[in-house]
Amino acid sequence: MPEGARVLEFGCGQGDMTAVLADRAGPNGTVVGTDVAPRDYGAPVTEGQSARHRWAAPSAATPA
């Protein structure tokens, strides 16, 4: 994937691959991940906990 790529990831779960894609896309790229699971789904970390952690990252955009 080239630096500056724009990626839409469906079924991103807790965002592990989304974070990898964002790293590869670089500061000029855009990566958006979405999942239909409820925010309280997942263990040992829920979808909501993971999302809050990712949104707190310096390179993260404000969630829609």
C-alpha atoms as a PDB file:
ATOM      1  CA  MET A   1       0.000   0.000   0.000  1.00  0.00           C
ATOM      2  CA  PRO A   2       1.497   3.346  -0.937  1.00  0.00           C
ATOM      3  CA  GLU A   3       2.017   6.200   1.518  1.00  0.00           C
ATOM      4  CA  GLY A   4      -0.901   8.621   1.223  1.00  0.00           C
ATOM      5  CA  ALA A   5      -3.439   5.876   0.433  1.00  0.00           C
ATOM      6  CA  ARG A   6      -7.095   6.184   1.349  1.00  0.00           C
ATOM      7  CA  VAL A   7      -8.545   3.038   2.937  1.00  0.00           C
ATOM      8  CA  LEU A   8     -12.005   2.026   4.116  1.00  0.00           C
ATOM      9  CA  GLU A   9     -11.963  -1.103   6.284  1.00  0.00           C
ATOM     10  CA  PHE A  10     -15.283  -2.873   6.921  1.00  0.00           C
ATOM     11  CA  GLY A  11     -15.500  -5.211   9.897  1.00  0.00           C
ATOM     12  CA  CYS A  12     -12.463  -3.701  11.605  1.00  0.00           C
ATOM     13  CA  GLY A  13     -13.265  -5.178  15.001  1.00  0.00           C
ATOM     14  CA  GLN A  14     -11.084  -3.657  17.675  1.00  0.00           C
ATOM     15  CA  GLY A  15      -8.942  -1.923  15.080  1.00  0.00           C
ATOM     16  CA  ASP A  16      -5.677  -3.870  15.161  1.00  0.00           C
ATOM     17  CA  MET A  17      -5.372  -3.979  11.362  1.00  0.00           C
ATOM     18  CA  THR A  18      -6.785  -0.455  11.104  1.00  0.00           C
ATOM     19  CA  ALA A  19      -3.828   0.818  13.131  1.00  0.00           C
ATOM     20  CA  VAL A  20      -1.383  -1.055  10.889  1.00  0.00           C
ATOM     21  CA  LEU A  21      -3.044   0.367   7.777  1.00  0.00           C
ATOM     22  CA  ALA A  22      -2.926   3.880   9.232  1.00  0.00           C
ATOM     23  CA  ASP A  23       0.782   3.491   9.918  1.00  0.00           C
ATOM     24  CA  ARG A  24       1.368   2.384   6.310  1.00  0.00           C
ATOM     25  CA  ALA A  25      -0.823   5.178   4.884  1.00  0.00           C
ATOM     26  CA  GLY A  26       1.234   7.740   6.776  1.00  0.00           C
ATOM     27  CA  PRO A  27       0.358  11.307   7.731  1.00  0.00           C
ATOM     28  CA  ASN A  28      -0.971  12.126   4.258  1.00  0.00           C
ATOM     29  CA  GLY A  29      -3.212   9.056   4.090  1.00  0.00           C
ATOM     30  CA  THR A  30      -6.657   8.376   5.466  1.00  0.00           C
ATOM     31  CA  VAL A  31      -7.905   5.174   7.065  1.00  0.00           C
ATOM     32  CA  VAL A  32     -11.486   4.727   8.243  1.00  0.00           C
ATOM     33  CA  GLY A  33     -12.593   1.565  10.030  1.00  0.00           C
ATOM     34  CA  THR A  34     -16.159   0.541  10.783  1.00  0.00           C
ATOM     35  CA  ASP A  35     -17.784  -2.427  12.495  1.00  0.00           C
ATOM     36  CA  VAL A  36     -21.374  -3.387  13.309  1.00  0.00           C
ATOM     37  CA  ALA A  37     -20.554  -4.943  16.696  1.00  0.00           C
ATOM     38  CA  PRO A  38     -21.917  -3.155  19.768  1.00  0.00           C
ATOM     39  CA  ARG A  39     -19.442  -1.115  21.806  1.00  0.00           C
ATOM     40  CA  ASP A  40     -19.621  -3.557  24.724  1.00  0.00           C
ATOM     41  CA  TYR A  41     -18.602  -6.542  22.544  1.00  0.00           C
ATOM     42  CA  GLY A  42     -15.186  -8.143  22.893  1.00  0.00           C
ATOM     43  CA  ALA A  43     -12.798  -9.449  25.510  1.00  0.00           C
ATOM     44  CA  PRO A  44     -10.504  -8.737  27.173  1.00  0.00           C
ATOM     45  CA  VAL A  45     -10.966  -5.279  25.599  1.00  0.00           C
ATOM     46  CA  THR A  46     -14.352  -4.163  24.284  1.00  0.00           C
ATOM     47  CA  GLU A  47     -14.941  -2.426  20.973  1.00  0.00           C
ATOM     48  CA  GLY A  48     -15.731   0.819  22.831  1.00  0.00           C
ATOM     49  CA  GLN A  49     -12.581   0.694  24.966  1.00  0.00           C
ATOM     50  CA  SER A  50     -10.475   0.066  21.886  1.00  0.00           C
ATOM     51  CA  ALA A  51     -12.127   2.918  19.990  1.00  0.00           C
ATOM     52  CA  ARG A  52     -11.551   5.390  22.842  1.00  0.00           C
ATOM     53  CA  HIS A  53      -7.886   4.363  22.974  1.00  0.00           C
ATOM     54  CA  ARG A  54      -7.451   4.846  19.212  1.00  0.00           C
ATOM     55  CA  TRP A  55      -9.250   8.226  19.232  1.00  0.00           C
ATOM     56  CA  ALA A  56      -6.868   9.438  21.938  1.00  0.00           C
ATOM     57  CA  ALA A  57      -3.857   8.811  19.675  1.00  0.00           C
ATOM     58  CA  PRO A  58      -2.155  11.982  18.398  1.00  0.00           C
ATOM     59  CA  SER A  59      -2.824  11.081  14.752  1.00  0.00           C
ATOM     60  CA  ALA A  60      -6.471  10.107  15.253  1.00  0.00           C
ATOM     61  CA  ALA A  61      -9.301  12.186  13.877  1.00  0.00           C
ATOM     62  CA  THR A  62     -12.409  12.964  15.847  1.00  0.00           C
ATOM     63  CA  PRO A  63     -14.973  10.154  15.508  1.00  0.00           C
ATOM     64  CA  ALA A  64     -18.081  10.853  13.475  1.00  0.00           C
END
